[in-house]
Amino acid sequence: MVQSHTKYMTMGEGGSAAAFAGLAILSIVIAAKAYTPEYAFHAYLFAAASVAAIFAIVNRFFERSDEPMPLPKIH
């Protein structure tokens, strides 16, 4: 019989992914309303970097093991 362990995102992973998703959406809105092409370029750059960060967080989530992370030792 195979035991399946449910793997959950940590608060840090989920919170960071949500913050980067919000930043990506906000950056696209800002780029769409930008007055100059330079400003729009940098806003799209922020959006692309946010999507890359979300991809890295989700990729790390799927690559780590199902076991819970060990707690740090306090001396």
PDB file of N, CA and C in Angstrom:
ATOM      1  N   MET A   1       0.841  -1.173   0.000  1.00  0.00           N
ATOM      2  CA  MET A   1       0.000   0.000   0.000  1.00  0.00           C
ATOM      3  C   MET A   1       0.888   1.240   0.000  1.00  0.00           C
ATOM      4  N   VAL A   2       0.595   2.160  -0.843  1.00  0.00           N
ATOM      5  CA  VAL A   2       1.384   3.374  -0.977  1.00  0.00           C
ATOM      6  C   VAL A   2       0.756   4.475  -0.138  1.00  0.00           C
ATOM      7  N   GLN A   3       1.600   5.084   0.689  1.00  0.00           N
ATOM      8  CA  GLN A   3       1.120   6.205   1.485  1.00  0.00           C
ATOM      9  C   GLN A   3       1.375   7.492   0.715  1.00  0.00           C
ATOM     10  N   SER A   4       0.372   8.297   0.597  1.00  0.00           N
ATOM     11  CA  SER A   4       0.570   9.579  -0.064  1.00  0.00           C
ATOM     12  C   SER A   4       0.567  10.681   0.993  1.00  0.00           C
ATOM     13  N   HIS A   5       1.559  11.517   0.902  1.00  0.00           N
ATOM     14  CA  HIS A   5       1.670  12.638   1.824  1.00  0.00           C
ATOM     15  C   HIS A   5       1.258  13.901   1.085  1.00  0.00           C
ATOM     16  N   THR A   6       0.418  14.675   1.716  1.00  0.00           N
ATOM     17  CA  THR A   6       0.002  15.936   1.122  1.00  0.00           C
ATOM     18  C   THR A   6       1.064  16.978   1.433  1.00  0.00           C
ATOM     19  N   LYS A   7       1.503  17.660   0.412  1.00  0.00           N
ATOM     20  CA  LYS A   7       2.525  18.685   0.583  1.00  0.00           C
ATOM     21  C   LYS A   7       1.853  20.043   0.485  1.00  0.00           C
ATOM     22  N   TYR A   8       2.103  20.879   1.471  1.00  0.00           N
ATOM     23  CA  TYR A   8       1.524  22.220   1.495  1.00  0.00           C
ATOM     24  C   TYR A   8       2.620  23.251   1.313  1.00  0.00           C
ATOM     25  N   MET A   9       2.234  24.376   0.732  1.00  0.00           N
ATOM     26  CA  MET A   9       3.163  25.504   0.649  1.00  0.00           C
ATOM     27  C   MET A   9       3.315  26.123   2.027  1.00  0.00           C
ATOM     28  N   THR A  10       4.507  26.590   2.312  1.00  0.00           N
ATOM     29  CA  THR A  10       4.702  27.296   3.574  1.00  0.00           C
ATOM     30  C   THR A  10       4.099  28.689   3.450  1.00  0.00           C
ATOM     31  N   MET A  11       3.962  29.368   4.558  1.00  0.00           N
ATOM     32  CA  MET A  11       3.423  30.733   4.532  1.00  0.00           C
ATOM     33  C   MET A  11       4.341  31.661   3.741  1.00  0.00           C
ATOM     34  N   GLY A  12       5.628  31.434   3.846  1.00  0.00           N
ATOM     35  CA  GLY A  12       6.578  32.256   3.103  1.00  0.00           C
ATOM     36  C   GLY A  12       6.469  32.049   1.607  1.00  0.00           C
ATOM     37  N   GLU A  13       6.333  30.792   1.187  1.00  0.00           N
ATOM     38  CA  GLU A  13       6.198  30.493  -0.245  1.00  0.00           C
ATOM     39  C   GLU A  13       4.900  31.068  -0.804  1.00  0.00           C
ATOM     40  N   GLY A  14       3.817  30.798  -0.119  1.00  0.00           N
ATOM     41  CA  GLY A  14       2.519  31.270  -0.597  1.00  0.00           C
ATOM     42  C   GLY A  14       2.399  32.779  -0.559  1.00  0.00           C
ATOM     43  N   GLY A  15       2.885  33.375   0.506  1.00  0.00           N
ATOM     44  CA  GLY A  15       2.817  34.832   0.626  1.00  0.00           C
ATOM     45  C   GLY A  15       3.684  35.531  -0.412  1.00  0.00           C
ATOM     46  N   SER A  16       4.875  35.002  -0.637  1.00  0.00           N
ATOM     47  CA  SER A  16       5.759  35.590  -1.647  1.00  0.00           C
ATOM     48  C   SER A  16       5.170  35.443  -3.044  1.00  0.00           C
ATOM     49  N   ALA A  17       4.631  34.276  -3.349  1.00  0.00           N
ATOM     50  CA  ALA A  17       4.025  34.060  -4.663  1.00  0.00           C
ATOM     51  C   ALA A  17       2.837  35.001  -4.868  1.00  0.00           C
ATOM     52  N   ALA A  18       2.024  35.177  -3.838  1.00  0.00           N
ATOM     53  CA  ALA A  18       0.876  36.083  -3.942  1.00  0.00           C
ATOM     54  C   ALA A  18       1.328  37.538  -4.101  1.00  0.00           C
ATOM     55  N   ALA A  19       2.362  37.934  -3.369  1.00  0.00           N
ATOM     56  CA  ALA A  19       2.868  39.304  -3.486  1.00  0.00           C
ATOM     57  C   ALA A  19       3.449  39.555  -4.873  1.00  0.00           C
ATOM     58  N   PHE A  20       4.179  38.589  -5.410  1.00  0.00           N
ATOM     59  CA  PHE A  20       4.733  38.748  -6.755  1.00  0.00           C
ATOM     60  C   PHE A  20       3.634  38.744  -7.814  1.00  0.00           C
ATOM     61  N   ALA A  21       2.573  37.985  -7.594  1.00  0.00           N
ATOM     62  CA  ALA A  21       1.447  37.997  -8.534  1.00  0.00           C
ATOM     63  C   ALA A  21       0.772  39.370  -8.528  1.00  0.00           C
ATOM     64  N   GLY A  22       0.593  39.936  -7.344  1.00  0.00           N
ATOM     65  CA  GLY A  22       0.022  41.278  -7.247  1.00  0.00           C
ATOM     66  C   GLY A  22       0.914  42.315  -7.896  1.00  0.00           C
ATOM     67  N   LEU A  23       2.222  42.193  -7.698  1.00  0.00           N
ATOM     68  CA  LEU A  23       3.155  43.121  -8.320  1.00  0.00           C
ATOM     69  C   LEU A  23       3.130  43.002  -9.840  1.00  0.00           C
ATOM     70  N   ALA A  24       3.008  41.767 -10.350  1.00  0.00           N
ATOM     71  CA  ALA A  24       2.955  41.574 -11.802  1.00  0.00           C
ATOM     72  C   ALA A  24       1.717  42.245 -12.395  1.00  0.00           C
ATOM     73  N   ILE A  25       0.572  42.054 -11.765  1.00  0.00           N
ATOM     74  CA  ILE A  25      -0.665  42.664 -12.262  1.00  0.00           C
ATOM     75  C   ILE A  25      -0.591  44.184 -12.171  1.00  0.00           C
ATOM     76  N   LEU A  26      -0.105  44.684 -11.044  1.00  0.00           N
ATOM     77  CA  LEU A  26       0.031  46.129 -10.873  1.00  0.00           C
ATOM     78  C   LEU A  26       1.009  46.718 -11.890  1.00  0.00           C
ATOM     79  N   SER A  27       2.087  46.027 -12.159  1.00  0.00           N
ATOM     80  CA  SER A  27       3.072  46.514 -13.126  1.00  0.00           C
ATOM     81  C   SER A  27       2.491  46.574 -14.528  1.00  0.00           C
ATOM     82  N   ILE A  28       1.678  45.595 -14.886  1.00  0.00           N
ATOM     83  CA  ILE A  28       1.051  45.607 -16.215  1.00  0.00           C
ATOM     84  C   ILE A  28       0.056  46.764 -16.325  1.00  0.00           C
ATOM     85  N   VAL A  29      -0.691  47.013 -15.269  1.00  0.00           N
ATOM     86  CA  VAL A  29      -1.626  48.153 -15.278  1.00  0.00           C
ATOM     87  C   VAL A  29      -0.866  49.459 -15.393  1.00  0.00           C
ATOM     88  N   ILE A  30       0.217  49.591 -14.646  1.00  0.00           N
ATOM     89  CA  ILE A  30       1.026  50.812 -14.703  1.00  0.00           C
ATOM     90  C   ILE A  30       1.638  50.983 -16.089  1.00  0.00           C
ATOM     91  N   ALA A  31       2.111  49.888 -16.675  1.00  0.00           N
ATOM     92  CA  ALA A  31       2.699  49.972 -18.017  1.00  0.00           C
ATOM     93  C   ALA A  31       1.655  50.383 -19.054  1.00  0.00           C
ATOM     94  N   ALA A  32       0.443  49.915 -18.891  1.00  0.00           N
ATOM     95  CA  ALA A  32      -0.608  50.262 -19.841  1.00  0.00           C
ATOM     96  C   ALA A  32      -0.988  51.739 -19.757  1.00  0.00           C
ATOM     97  N   LYS A  33      -0.817  52.340 -18.583  1.00  0.00           N
ATOM     98  CA  LYS A  33      -1.191  53.741 -18.404  1.00  0.00           C
ATOM     99  C   LYS A  33       0.010  54.687 -18.451  1.00  0.00           C
ATOM    100  N   ALA A  34       1.178  54.164 -18.790  1.00  0.00           N
ATOM    101  CA  ALA A  34       2.397  54.978 -18.783  1.00  0.00           C
ATOM    102  C   ALA A  34       2.365  56.018 -19.902  1.00  0.00           C
ATOM    103  N   TYR A  35       2.938  57.195 -19.614  1.00  0.00           N
ATOM    104  CA  TYR A  35       2.979  58.281 -20.596  1.00  0.00           C
ATOM    105  C   TYR A  35       4.182  58.149 -21.530  1.00  0.00           C
ATOM    106  N   THR A  36       5.266  57.548 -21.040  1.00  0.00           N
ATOM    107  CA  THR A  36       6.467  57.433 -21.867  1.00  0.00           C
ATOM    108  C   THR A  36       6.805  55.961 -22.093  1.00  0.00           C
ATOM    109  N   PRO A  37       7.415  55.645 -23.219  1.00  0.00           N
ATOM    110  CA  PRO A  37       7.783  54.252 -23.491  1.00  0.00           C
ATOM    111  C   PRO A  37       8.840  53.726 -22.524  1.00  0.00           C
ATOM    112  N   GLU A  38       9.693  54.603 -22.030  1.00  0.00           N
ATOM    113  CA  GLU A  38      10.722  54.161 -21.078  1.00  0.00           C
ATOM    114  C   GLU A  38      10.092  53.678 -19.777  1.00  0.00           C
ATOM    115  N   TYR A  39       9.117  54.433 -19.313  1.00  0.00           N
ATOM    116  CA  TYR A  39       8.424  54.055 -18.083  1.00  0.00           C
ATOM    117  C   TYR A  39       7.664  52.745 -18.279  1.00  0.00           C
ATOM    118  N   ALA A  40       7.024  52.592 -19.421  1.00  0.00           N
ATOM    119  CA  ALA A  40       6.294  51.357 -19.714  1.00  0.00           C
ATOM    120  C   ALA A  40       7.247  50.172 -19.802  1.00  0.00           C
ATOM    121  N   PHE A  41       8.420  50.380 -20.413  1.00  0.00           N
ATOM    122  CA  PHE A  41       9.403  49.305 -20.517  1.00  0.00           C
ATOM    123  C   PHE A  41       9.812  48.800 -19.143  1.00  0.00           C
ATOM    124  N   HIS A  42      10.092  49.727 -18.246  1.00  0.00           N
ATOM    125  CA  HIS A  42      10.517  49.306 -16.908  1.00  0.00           C
ATOM    126  C   HIS A  42       9.380  48.636 -16.131  1.00  0.00           C
ATOM    127  N   ALA A  43       8.167  49.077 -16.350  1.00  0.00           N
ATOM    128  CA  ALA A  43       7.031  48.422 -15.694  1.00  0.00           C
ATOM    129  C   ALA A  43       6.862  46.993 -16.229  1.00  0.00           C
ATOM    130  N   TYR A  44       7.010  46.821 -17.556  1.00  0.00           N
ATOM    131  CA  TYR A  44       6.944  45.471 -18.122  1.00  0.00           C
ATOM    132  C   TYR A  44       8.115  44.611 -17.638  1.00  0.00           C
ATOM    133  N   LEU A  45       9.254  45.237 -17.411  1.00  0.00           N
ATOM    134  CA  LEU A  45      10.405  44.521 -16.870  1.00  0.00           C
ATOM    135  C   LEU A  45      10.102  44.010 -15.459  1.00  0.00           C
ATOM    136  N   PHE A  46       9.468  44.839 -14.647  1.00  0.00           N
ATOM    137  CA  PHE A  46       9.056  44.420 -13.307  1.00  0.00           C
ATOM    138  C   PHE A  46       8.039  43.279 -13.390  1.00  0.00           C
ATOM    139  N   ALA A  47       7.116  43.348 -14.331  1.00  0.00           N
ATOM    140  CA  ALA A  47       6.119  42.292 -14.499  1.00  0.00           C
ATOM    141  C   ALA A  47       6.785  40.974 -14.896  1.00  0.00           C
ATOM    142  N   ALA A  48       7.747  41.045 -15.819  1.00  0.00           N
ATOM    143  CA  ALA A  48       8.449  39.830 -16.245  1.00  0.00           C
ATOM    144  C   ALA A  48       9.261  39.228 -15.100  1.00  0.00           C
ATOM    145  N   ALA A  49       9.909  40.076 -14.319  1.00  0.00           N
ATOM    146  CA  ALA A  49      10.681  39.581 -13.180  1.00  0.00           C
ATOM    147  C   ALA A  49       9.764  38.960 -12.122  1.00  0.00           C
ATOM    148  N   SER A  50       8.590  39.514 -11.940  1.00  0.00           N
ATOM    149  CA  SER A  50       7.638  38.964 -10.975  1.00  0.00           C
ATOM    150  C   SER A  50       7.143  37.590 -11.417  1.00  0.00           C
ATOM    151  N   VAL A  51       6.862  37.446 -12.704  1.00  0.00           N
ATOM    152  CA  VAL A  51       6.428  36.143 -13.217  1.00  0.00           C
ATOM    153  C   VAL A  51       7.557  35.122 -13.084  1.00  0.00           C
ATOM    154  N   ALA A  52       8.794  35.541 -13.334  1.00  0.00           N
ATOM    155  CA  ALA A  52       9.939  34.638 -13.163  1.00  0.00           C
ATOM    156  C   ALA A  52      10.094  34.218 -11.700  1.00  0.00           C
ATOM    157  N   ALA A  53       9.844  35.137 -10.779  1.00  0.00           N
ATOM    158  CA  ALA A  53       9.933  34.807  -9.354  1.00  0.00           C
ATOM    159  C   ALA A  53       8.849  33.811  -8.954  1.00  0.00           C
ATOM    160  N   ILE A  54       7.648  33.996  -9.477  1.00  0.00           N
ATOM    161  CA  ILE A  54       6.570  33.048  -9.187  1.00  0.00           C
ATOM    162  C   ILE A  54       6.927  31.672  -9.727  1.00  0.00           C
ATOM    163  N   PHE A  55       7.456  31.619 -10.941  1.00  0.00           N
ATOM    164  CA  PHE A  55       7.869  30.348 -11.523  1.00  0.00           C
ATOM    165  C   PHE A  55       8.934  29.672 -10.660  1.00  0.00           C
ATOM    166  N   ALA A  56       9.913  30.438 -10.168  1.00  0.00           N
ATOM    167  CA  ALA A  56      10.969  29.868  -9.333  1.00  0.00           C
ATOM    168  C   ALA A  56      10.414  29.339  -8.006  1.00  0.00           C
ATOM    169  N   ILE A  57       9.479  30.048  -7.404  1.00  0.00           N
ATOM    170  CA  ILE A  57       8.887  29.615  -6.135  1.00  0.00           C
ATOM    171  C   ILE A  57       8.103  28.321  -6.326  1.00  0.00           C
ATOM    172  N   VAL A  58       7.275  28.270  -7.370  1.00  0.00           N
ATOM    173  CA  VAL A  58       6.470  27.066  -7.626  1.00  0.00           C
ATOM    174  C   VAL A  58       7.369  25.899  -8.019  1.00  0.00           C
ATOM    175  N   ASN A  59       8.407  26.162  -8.813  1.00  0.00           N
ATOM    176  CA  ASN A  59       9.338  25.107  -9.193  1.00  0.00           C
ATOM    177  C   ASN A  59      10.036  24.530  -7.965  1.00  0.00           C
ATOM    178  N   ARG A  60      10.472  25.375  -7.055  1.00  0.00           N
ATOM    179  CA  ARG A  60      11.125  24.920  -5.816  1.00  0.00           C
ATOM    180  C   ARG A  60      10.141  24.121  -4.959  1.00  0.00           C
ATOM    181  N   PHE A  61       8.882  24.527  -4.948  1.00  0.00           N
ATOM    182  CA  PHE A  61       7.871  23.810  -4.178  1.00  0.00           C
ATOM    183  C   PHE A  61       7.720  22.377  -4.678  1.00  0.00           C
ATOM    184  N   PHE A  62       7.666  22.188  -5.996  1.00  0.00           N
ATOM    185  CA  PHE A  62       7.478  20.855  -6.540  1.00  0.00           C
ATOM    186  C   PHE A  62       8.737  19.994  -6.457  1.00  0.00           C
ATOM    187  N   GLU A  63       9.919  20.605  -6.343  1.00  0.00           N
ATOM    188  CA  GLU A  63      11.157  19.840  -6.289  1.00  0.00           C
ATOM    189  C   GLU A  63      11.542  19.417  -4.875  1.00  0.00           C
ATOM    190  N   ARG A  64      11.024  20.075  -3.860  1.00  0.00           N
ATOM    191  CA  ARG A  64      11.412  19.688  -2.502  1.00  0.00           C
ATOM    192  C   ARG A  64      10.642  18.451  -2.067  1.00  0.00           C
ATOM    193  N   SER A  65      11.141  17.794  -1.009  1.00  0.00           N
ATOM    194  CA  SER A  65      10.530  16.549  -0.550  1.00  0.00           C
ATOM    195  C   SER A  65       9.222  16.817   0.203  1.00  0.00           C
ATOM    196  N   ASP A  66       8.483  15.731   0.430  1.00  0.00           N
ATOM    197  CA  ASP A  66       7.205  15.841   1.142  1.00  0.00           C
ATOM    198  C   ASP A  66       7.374  16.000   2.648  1.00  0.00           C
ATOM    199  N   GLU A  67       8.553  15.693   3.147  1.00  0.00           N
ATOM    200  CA  GLU A  67       8.783  15.745   4.593  1.00  0.00           C
ATOM    201  C   GLU A  67       8.786  17.194   5.064  1.00  0.00           C
ATOM    202  N   PRO A  68       8.252  17.436   6.267  1.00  0.00           N
ATOM    203  CA  PRO A  68       8.275  18.813   6.776  1.00  0.00           C
ATOM    204  C   PRO A  68       9.709  19.262   7.056  1.00  0.00           C
ATOM    205  N   MET A  69       9.934  20.554   6.935  1.00  0.00           N
ATOM    206  CA  MET A  69      11.267  21.084   7.176  1.00  0.00           C
ATOM    207  C   MET A  69      11.599  20.979   8.658  1.00  0.00           C
ATOM    208  N   PRO A  70      12.868  20.652   8.972  1.00  0.00           N
ATOM    209  CA  PRO A  70      13.235  20.569  10.390  1.00  0.00           C
ATOM    210  C   PRO A  70      13.247  21.944  11.034  1.00  0.00           C
ATOM    211  N   LEU A  71      12.890  21.972  12.293  1.00  0.00           N
ATOM    212  CA  LEU A  71      12.907  23.230  13.036  1.00  0.00           C
ATOM    213  C   LEU A  71      14.342  23.578  13.420  1.00  0.00           C
ATOM    214  N   PRO A  72      14.694  24.849  13.449  1.00  0.00           N
ATOM    215  CA  PRO A  72      16.062  25.220  13.845  1.00  0.00           C
ATOM    216  C   PRO A  72      16.271  24.949  15.326  1.00  0.00           C
ATOM    217  N   LYS A  73      17.508  24.585  15.665  1.00  0.00           N
ATOM    218  CA  LYS A  73      17.841  24.310  17.064  1.00  0.00           C
ATOM    219  C   LYS A  73      18.127  25.629  17.772  1.00  0.00           C
ATOM    220  N   ILE A  74      17.545  25.792  18.943  1.00  0.00           N
ATOM    221  CA  ILE A  74      17.766  26.990  19.759  1.00  0.00           C
ATOM    222  C   ILE A  74      18.616  26.575  20.944  1.00  0.00           C
ATOM    223  N   HIS A  75      19.729  27.255  21.104  1.00  0.00           N
ATOM    224  CA  HIS A  75      20.652  26.899  22.204  1.00  0.00           C
ATOM    225  C   HIS A  75      20.393  27.695  23.425  1.00  0.00           C
TER     226      HIS A  75
END
